[in-house]
C-alpha atoms as a PDB file:
ATOM      1  CA  MET A   1      24.416 -30.633-124.853  1.00  0.00           C
ATOM      2  CA  GLU A   2      25.247 -31.439-128.401  1.00  0.00           C
ATOM      3  CA  GLN A   3      26.208 -28.627-131.141  1.00  0.00           C
ATOM      4  CA  THR A   4      25.834 -29.517-134.743  1.00  0.00           C
ATOM      5  CA  ASN A   5      26.119 -27.220-137.836  1.00  0.00           C
ATOM      6  CA  LEU A   6      26.594 -24.010-135.726  1.00  0.00           C
ATOM      7  CA  THR A   7      28.195 -20.810-137.443  1.00  0.00           C
ATOM      8  CA  LEU A   8      30.841 -18.999-135.582  1.00  0.00           C
ATOM      9  CA  GLU A   9      28.330 -16.181-134.816  1.00  0.00           C
ATOM     10  CA  GLN A  10      26.082 -18.592-133.138  1.00  0.00           C
ATOM     11  CA  VAL A  11      28.728 -19.897-131.095  1.00  0.00           C
ATOM     12  CA  ARG A  12      29.707 -16.560-129.856  1.00  0.00           C
ATOM     13  CA  ASP A  13      26.119 -15.596-129.150  1.00  0.00           C
ATOM     14  CA  SER A  14      25.486 -19.009-127.278  1.00  0.00           C
ATOM     15  CA  ILE A  15      28.660 -18.340-125.202  1.00  0.00           C
ATOM     16  CA  LEU A  16      27.495 -14.896-124.165  1.00  0.00           C
ATOM     17  CA  GLY A  17      24.134 -16.253-123.339  1.00  0.00           C
ATOM     18  CA  HIS A  18      25.550 -18.667-120.707  1.00  0.00           C
ATOM     19  CA  LEU A  19      27.779 -16.292-119.003  1.00  0.00           C
ATOM     20  CA  ALA A  20      25.340 -15.765-116.192  1.00  0.00           C
ATOM     21  CA  GLU A  21      24.610 -19.466-115.639  1.00  0.00           C
ATOM     22  CA  GLY A  22      27.394 -20.197-113.209  1.00  0.00           C
ATOM     23  CA  ASN A  23      29.185 -23.706-113.126  1.00  0.00           C
ATOM     24  CA  ALA A  24      26.682 -25.242-115.622  1.00  0.00           C
ATOM     25  CA  GLY A  25      27.009 -22.281-117.976  1.00  0.00           C
ATOM     26  CA  HIS A  26      31.081 -22.544-117.561  1.00  0.00           C
ATOM     27  CA  TYR A  27      30.699 -26.101-118.971  1.00  0.00           C
ATOM     28  CA  LYS A  28      28.408 -25.360-121.921  1.00  0.00           C
ATOM     29  CA  ILE A  29      30.723 -22.413-122.857  1.00  0.00           C
ATOM     30  CA  GLY A  30      33.728 -25.060-122.817  1.00  0.00           C
ATOM     31  CA  ARG A  31      31.706 -27.347-125.000  1.00  0.00           C
ATOM     32  CA  LEU A  32      30.992 -24.470-127.384  1.00  0.00           C
ATOM     33  CA  TYR A  33      34.603 -23.164-127.515  1.00  0.00           C
ATOM     34  CA  ASN A  34      35.654 -26.887-128.195  1.00  0.00           C
ATOM     35  CA  TYR A  35      33.320 -27.062-130.883  1.00  0.00           C
ATOM     36  CA  ALA A  36      34.564 -23.949-132.651  1.00  0.00           C
ATOM     37  CA  VAL A  37      38.194 -25.192-132.374  1.00  0.00           C
ATOM     38  CA  ALA A  38      37.551 -28.717-133.452  1.00  0.00           C
ATOM     39  CA  ASN A  39      35.700 -27.554-136.526  1.00  0.00           C
ATOM     40  CA  GLY A  40      38.031 -24.765-137.563  1.00  0.00           C
ATOM     41  CA  LEU A  41      35.346 -22.154-137.554  1.00  0.00           C
ATOM     42  CA  ALA A  42      37.502 -19.207-136.972  1.00  0.00           C
ATOM     43  CA  GLU A  43      39.859 -20.172-139.665  1.00  0.00           C
ATOM     44  CA  LYS A  44      37.095 -20.697-142.182  1.00  0.00           C
ATOM     45  CA  ASN A  45      35.901 -17.133-141.423  1.00  0.00           C
ATOM     46  CA  GLY A  46      39.306 -15.626-142.101  1.00  0.00           C
ATOM     47  CA  TYR A  47      40.798 -15.571-138.553  1.00  0.00           C
ATOM     48  CA  SER A  48      44.156 -16.965-137.699  1.00  0.00           C
ATOM     49  CA  SER A  49      43.000 -19.024-134.700  1.00  0.00           C
ATOM     50  CA  ALA A  50      39.815 -19.358-132.466  1.00  0.00           C
ATOM     51  CA  GLN A  51      42.038 -17.670-129.945  1.00  0.00           C
ATOM     52  CA  ASP A  52      42.234 -14.686-132.306  1.00  0.00           C
ATOM     53  CA  TYR A  53      38.418 -14.583-132.910  1.00  0.00           C
ATOM     54  CA  PHE A  54      37.358 -15.041-129.408  1.00  0.00           C
ATOM     55  CA  SER A  55      39.887 -12.379-127.975  1.00  0.00           C
ATOM     56  CA  GLN A  56      38.319  -9.847-130.320  1.00  0.00           C
ATOM     57  CA  GLN A  57      34.698 -10.792-130.038  1.00  0.00           C
ATOM     58  CA  ILE A  58      34.130 -11.955-126.354  1.00  0.00           C
ATOM     59  CA  THR A  59      35.875  -9.306-124.054  1.00  0.00           C
ATOM     60  CA  GLU A  60      33.766 -10.673-121.248  1.00  0.00           C
ATOM     61  CA  LEU A  61      36.231 -13.676-120.758  1.00  0.00           C
ATOM     62  CA  ALA A  62      39.900 -13.788-120.921  1.00  0.00           C
ATOM     63  CA  GLN A  63      41.374 -16.300-123.420  1.00  0.00           C
ATOM     64  CA  ALA A  64      42.875 -18.261-120.634  1.00  0.00           C
ATOM     65  CA  THR A  65      39.411 -18.615-119.023  1.00  0.00           C
ATOM     66  CA  LEU A  66      37.996 -19.854-122.279  1.00  0.00           C
ATOM     67  CA  SER A  67      40.822 -22.366-122.633  1.00  0.00           C
ATOM     68  CA  ARG A  68      40.251 -23.425-119.173  1.00  0.00           C
ATOM     69  CA  TYR A  69      36.644 -24.252-119.720  1.00  0.00           C
ATOM     70  CA  GLY A  70      37.308 -25.961-122.714  1.00  0.00           C
ATOM     71  CA  THR A  71      39.854 -28.286-121.017  1.00  0.00           C
ATOM     72  CA  VAL A  72      37.493 -29.211-118.220  1.00  0.00           C
ATOM     73  CA  ALA A  73      34.635 -29.747-120.535  1.00  0.00           C
ATOM     74  CA  ARG A  74      36.674 -32.297-122.552  1.00  0.00           C
ATOM     75  CA  HIS A  75      37.402 -34.312-119.248  1.00  0.00           C
ATOM     76  CA  PHE A  76      34.496 -34.032-117.008  1.00  0.00           C
ATOM     77  CA  SER A  77      30.716 -34.174-117.332  1.00  0.00           C
ATOM     78  CA  GLU A  78      28.234 -31.451-116.893  1.00  0.00           C
ATOM     79  CA  ASP A  79      27.090 -32.744-113.517  1.00  0.00           C
ATOM     80  CA  SER A  80      30.796 -32.596-112.297  1.00  0.00           C
ATOM     81  CA  CYS A  81      31.032 -29.098-113.353  1.00  0.00           C
ATOM     82  CA  ARG A  82      27.841 -28.188-111.516  1.00  0.00           C
ATOM     83  CA  LYS A  83      29.124 -29.893-108.256  1.00  0.00           C
ATOM     84  CA  TYR A  84      32.708 -28.751-108.120  1.00  0.00           C
ATOM     85  CA  GLY A  85      33.283 -25.835-110.337  1.00  0.00           C
ATOM     86  CA  VAL A  86      35.838 -25.173-113.255  1.00  0.00           C
ATOM     87  CA  VAL A  87      38.447 -24.047-110.873  1.00  0.00           C
ATOM     88  CA  LYS A  88      38.616 -27.149-108.772  1.00  0.00           C
ATOM     89  CA  LEU A  89      38.385 -29.514-111.740  1.00  0.00           C
ATOM     90  CA  SER A  90      41.109 -27.699-113.616  1.00  0.00           C
ATOM     91  CA  THR A  91      43.360 -27.921-110.480  1.00  0.00           C
ATOM     92  CA  LEU A  92      42.465 -31.772-110.296  1.00  0.00           C
ATOM     93  CA  LEU A  93      43.703 -32.042-113.911  1.00  0.00           C
ATOM     94  CA  THR A  94      46.826 -30.239-113.261  1.00  0.00           C
ATOM     95  CA  TYR A  95      47.386 -32.454-110.198  1.00  0.00           C
ATOM     96  CA  ALA A  96      46.639 -35.695-112.003  1.00  0.00           C
ATOM     97  CA  ASN A  97      49.049 -34.861-114.781  1.00  0.00           C
ATOM     98  CA  LEU A  98      51.985 -34.279-112.681  1.00  0.00           C
ATOM     99  CA  PRO A  99      54.487 -37.043-112.200  1.00  0.00           C
ATOM    100  CA  PRO A 100      53.593 -39.526-110.992  1.00  0.00           C
ATOM    101  CA  SER A 101      50.569 -39.106-113.197  1.00  0.00           C
ATOM    102  CA  ILE A 102      47.110 -40.321-112.070  1.00  0.00           C
ATOM    103  CA  PRO A 103      44.727 -41.962-114.731  1.00  0.00           C
ATOM    104  CA  LEU A 104      41.317 -40.064-114.621  1.00  0.00           C
ATOM    105  CA  GLU A 105      38.533 -42.340-115.569  1.00  0.00           C
ATOM    106  CA  PRO A 106      35.261 -41.039-116.906  1.00  0.00           C
ATOM    107  CA  GLY A 107      32.549 -40.492-114.365  1.00  0.00           C
ATOM    108  CA  GLU A 108      32.495 -38.901-110.793  1.00  0.00           C
ATOM    109  CA  PRO A 109      35.942 -37.707-109.754  1.00  0.00           C
ATOM    110  CA  GLY A 110      35.078 -37.256-106.082  1.00  0.00           C
ATOM    111  CA  SER A 111      36.844 -40.498-104.831  1.00  0.00           C
ATOM    112  CA  ILE A 112      40.237 -39.620-106.410  1.00  0.00           C
ATOM    113  CA  LEU A 113      42.849 -39.391-103.499  1.00  0.00           C
ATOM    114  CA  ILE A 114      44.877 -36.163-103.117  1.00  0.00           C
ATOM    115  CA  ASP A 115      47.943 -35.949-100.953  1.00  0.00           C
ATOM    116  CA  VAL A 116      47.381 -32.447 -99.313  1.00  0.00           C
ATOM    117  CA  PRO A 117      50.499 -30.938 -97.301  1.00  0.00           C
ATOM    118  CA  PRO A 118      49.870 -29.064 -94.338  1.00  0.00           C
ATOM    119  CA  GLU A 119      49.641 -25.184 -94.322  1.00  0.00           C
ATOM    120  CA  GLU A 120      52.580 -25.164 -91.876  1.00  0.00           C
ATOM    121  CA  ALA A 121      53.842 -27.799 -89.771  1.00  0.00           C
ATOM    122  CA  GLY A 122      52.235 -31.194 -89.592  1.00  0.00           C
ATOM    123  CA  ALA A 123      51.750 -34.414 -91.600  1.00  0.00           C
ATOM    124  CA  MET A 124      50.558 -34.978 -94.947  1.00  0.00           C
ATOM    125  CA  VAL A 125      46.859 -35.853 -95.252  1.00  0.00           C
ATOM    126  CA  THR A 126      45.318 -37.995 -97.911  1.00  0.00           C
ATOM    127  CA  LYS A 127      41.805 -36.912 -98.649  1.00  0.00           C
ATOM    128  CA  PRO A 128      39.169 -37.655-101.582  1.00  0.00           C
ATOM    129  CA  PHE A 129      38.800 -34.969-104.042  1.00  0.00           C
ATOM    130  CA  VAL A 130      35.188 -34.324-102.914  1.00  0.00           C
ATOM    131  CA  GLU A 131      36.498 -33.121 -99.380  1.00  0.00           C
ATOM    132  CA  CYS A 132      39.339 -31.013-100.724  1.00  0.00           C
ATOM    133  CA  SER A 133      38.964 -27.211-100.751  1.00  0.00           C
ATOM    134  CA  ALA A 134      40.283 -25.234-103.590  1.00  0.00           C
ATOM    135  CA  GLU A 135      43.116 -23.955-101.375  1.00  0.00           C
ATOM    136  CA  GLU A 136      43.961 -27.624-100.386  1.00  0.00           C
ATOM    137  CA  LEU A 137      44.163 -28.517-103.921  1.00  0.00           C
ATOM    138  CA  LYS A 138      46.405 -25.692-104.799  1.00  0.00           C
ATOM    139  CA  ARG A 139      48.775 -26.805-102.001  1.00  0.00           C
ATOM    140  CA  ALA A 140      48.678 -30.334-103.279  1.00  0.00           C
ATOM    141  CA  VAL A 141      49.686 -29.127-106.642  1.00  0.00           C
ATOM    142  CA  LYS A 142      52.502 -26.879-105.367  1.00  0.00           C
ATOM    143  CA  HIS A 143      53.863 -29.699-103.453  1.00  0.00           C
ATOM    144  CA  LYS A 144      53.804 -32.310-106.130  1.00  0.00           C
ATOM    145  CA  ARG A 145      55.603 -29.793-108.472  1.00  0.00           C
ATOM    146  CA  GLN A 146      58.271 -28.793-105.977  1.00  0.00           C
ATOM    147  CA  PRO A 147      58.769 -31.503-103.208  1.00  0.00           C
ATOM    148  CA  ALA A 148      60.709 -30.358-100.134  1.00  0.00           C
ATOM    149  CA  GLY A 149      64.468 -29.911-100.738  1.00  0.00           C
ATOM    150  CA  ASN A 150      64.172 -28.803-104.187  1.00  0.00           C
ATOM    151  CA  THR A 151      62.502 -25.383-103.775  1.00  0.00           C
ATOM    152  CA  LEU A 152      62.694 -22.758-106.642  1.00  0.00           C
ATOM    153  CA  PRO A 153      63.086 -19.107-105.611  1.00  0.00           C
ATOM    154  CA  ALA A 154      59.577 -17.679-104.886  1.00  0.00           C
ATOM    155  CA  SER A 155      59.765 -15.235-108.004  1.00  0.00           C
ATOM    156  CA  ASP A 156      60.770 -18.111-110.344  1.00  0.00           C
ATOM    157  CA  ALA A 157      58.050 -20.540-108.855  1.00  0.00           C
ATOM    158  CA  ALA A 158      55.229 -18.143-109.502  1.00  0.00           C
ATOM    159  CA  ARG A 159      56.266 -17.656-113.092  1.00  0.00           C
ATOM    160  CA  VAL A 160      56.818 -21.523-113.533  1.00  0.00           C
ATOM    161  CA  GLN A 161      53.528 -22.253-112.030  1.00  0.00           C
ATOM    162  CA  PHE A 162      51.747 -19.748-114.275  1.00  0.00           C
ATOM    163  CA  LEU A 163      53.344 -21.509-117.327  1.00  0.00           C
ATOM    164  CA  ARG A 164      52.538 -24.978-116.279  1.00  0.00           C
ATOM    165  CA  ASP A 165      48.690 -23.732-115.685  1.00  0.00           C
ATOM    166  CA  SER A 166      48.906 -22.525-119.270  1.00  0.00           C
ATOM    167  CA  PHE A 167      50.243 -25.827-120.562  1.00  0.00           C
ATOM    168  CA  SER A 168      47.294 -27.688-118.745  1.00  0.00           C
ATOM    169  CA  ARG A 169      44.758 -25.399-120.528  1.00  0.00           C
ATOM    170  CA  TYR A 170      46.230 -25.785-123.944  1.00  0.00           C
ATOM    171  CA  PHE A 171      47.127 -29.368-124.100  1.00  0.00           C
ATOM    172  CA  ALA A 172      44.855 -32.519-123.440  1.00  0.00           C
ATOM    173  CA  GLN A 173      45.720 -34.845-120.602  1.00  0.00           C
ATOM    174  CA  GLY A 174      46.812 -37.606-122.934  1.00  0.00           C
ATOM    175  CA  ALA A 175      49.261 -35.306-124.792  1.00  0.00           C
ATOM    176  CA  ARG A 176      51.908 -35.817-122.135  1.00  0.00           C
ATOM    177  CA  VAL A 177      53.473 -32.399-122.542  1.00  0.00           C
ATOM    178  CA  GLN A 178      55.581 -31.634-119.520  1.00  0.00           C
ATOM    179  CA  LEU A 179      57.384 -28.519-118.378  1.00  0.00           C
ATOM    180  CA  LYS A 180      60.323 -29.636-115.938  1.00  0.00           C
ATOM    181  CA  THR A 181      62.668 -27.285-113.915  1.00  0.00           C
ATOM    182  CA  SER A 182      65.940 -27.689-112.424  1.00  0.00           C
ATOM    183  CA  LEU A 183      68.318 -25.393-110.513  1.00  0.00           C
ATOM    184  CA  GLN A 184      71.806 -24.920-111.701  1.00  0.00           C
ATOM    185  CA  ARG A 185      74.319 -22.449-110.202  1.00  0.00           C
ATOM    186  CA  GLY A 186      71.382 -20.412-108.769  1.00  0.00           C
ATOM    187  CA  LYS A 187      69.484 -20.311-112.141  1.00  0.00           C
ATOM    188  CA  THR A 188      66.090 -21.871-112.770  1.00  0.00           C
ATOM    189  CA  LEU A 189      66.312 -23.747-116.187  1.00  0.00           C
ATOM    190  CA  LEU A 190      63.220 -25.046-118.007  1.00  0.00           C
ATOM    191  CA  THR A 191      62.811 -28.028-120.082  1.00  0.00           C
ATOM    192  CA  ILE A 192      59.823 -28.680-122.299  1.00  0.00           C
ATOM    193  CA  GLN A 193      59.208 -32.161-123.562  1.00  0.00           C
ATOM    194  CA  GLY A 194      56.528 -34.277-125.185  1.00  0.00           C
ATOM    195  CA  VAL A 195      55.145 -31.707-127.703  1.00  0.00           C
ATOM    196  CA  PRO A 196      53.856 -33.295-130.909  1.00  0.00           C
ATOM    197  CA  LEU A 197      55.420 -31.632-133.951  1.00  0.00           C
ATOM    198  CA  GLU A 198      51.921 -30.788-135.341  1.00  0.00           C
ATOM    199  CA  GLN A 199      51.042 -28.893-132.106  1.00  0.00           C
ATOM    200  CA  VAL A 200      54.095 -26.454-132.173  1.00  0.00           C
ATOM    201  CA  GLU A 201      52.002 -23.599-132.696  1.00  0.00           C
ATOM    202  CA  ARG A 202      49.768 -24.466-129.866  1.00  0.00           C
ATOM    203  CA  LEU A 203      53.062 -24.533-127.719  1.00  0.00           C
ATOM    204  CA  MET A 204      53.826 -20.933-128.762  1.00  0.00           C
ATOM    205  CA  GLU A 205      50.136 -19.902-127.839  1.00  0.00           C
ATOM    206  CA  ALA A 206      50.575 -21.473-124.557  1.00  0.00           C
ATOM    207  CA  LEU A 207      53.862 -19.849-123.848  1.00  0.00           C
ATOM    208  CA  LEU A 208      52.567 -16.541-124.905  1.00  0.00           C
ATOM    209  CA  ASP A 209      49.408 -17.074-122.664  1.00  0.00           C
ATOM    210  CA  GLY A 210      51.571 -18.061-119.733  1.00  0.00           C
ATOM    211  CA  LEU A 211      53.297 -14.922-119.754  1.00  0.00           C
ATOM    212  CA  GLN A 212      50.404 -12.840-119.501  1.00  0.00           C
ATOM    213  CA  PRO A 213      48.269 -12.281-116.241  1.00  0.00           C
ATOM    214  CA  VAL A 214      44.917 -14.183-116.014  1.00  0.00           C
ATOM    215  CA  HIS A 215      42.064 -11.590-115.979  1.00  0.00           C
ATOM    216  CA  PRO A 216      39.002 -12.242-113.869  1.00  0.00           C
ATOM    217  CA  VAL A 217      35.635 -13.027-115.717  1.00  0.00           C
ATOM    218  CA  ARG A 218      33.654  -9.811-115.920  1.00  0.00           C
ATOM    219  CA  SER A 219      30.067  -9.909-114.812  1.00  0.00           C
ATOM    220  CA  ALA A 220      27.475 -10.085-117.490  1.00  0.00           C
ATOM    221  CA  GLY A 221      25.573  -7.044-118.489  1.00  0.00           C
END
């Protein structure tokens, strides 16, 4: 799907038209959102940012959801989105970006190996992405972020994970933006690194988004 010479209103109407199309529609929405951002359509129409415009004009989707669709559409094909869905692919991006990072080559991601920790007792299992459930991918991300022996308090870990998810939505894979944590005297400290100077405003948006709950997508109609 290619978009050329679309107006901001046409982008909005097209996004609304794809809401009921499932995974394929999510990919198309992400492409449309990226088009609006890349071409500065909202700014050209008097809005401060694409996030500002869409938060006002499309109440059916949370801004965090739009950003997630856009991120996945930048990195994966429509076929992959149809097959795996945005949630699993977004989780795969997060897993791949955590150190040690995994390069994601263009094409089918099903063969990428994921280290899946057990739910309780047991050994780590390495499985291809195509065989992983959404829950297994979440466990893999959690383990990669906080290996055994360096566990944050549960309340802090939940907030940090929400912030990291926000970062993965707002920054492309190649940006190398990282949010690191450490424990000192019982307090969780955050370190943000790798943010390009020209993307400081995007950092602020990611932080603000990461402090808000992600709302579920409302059903169309």
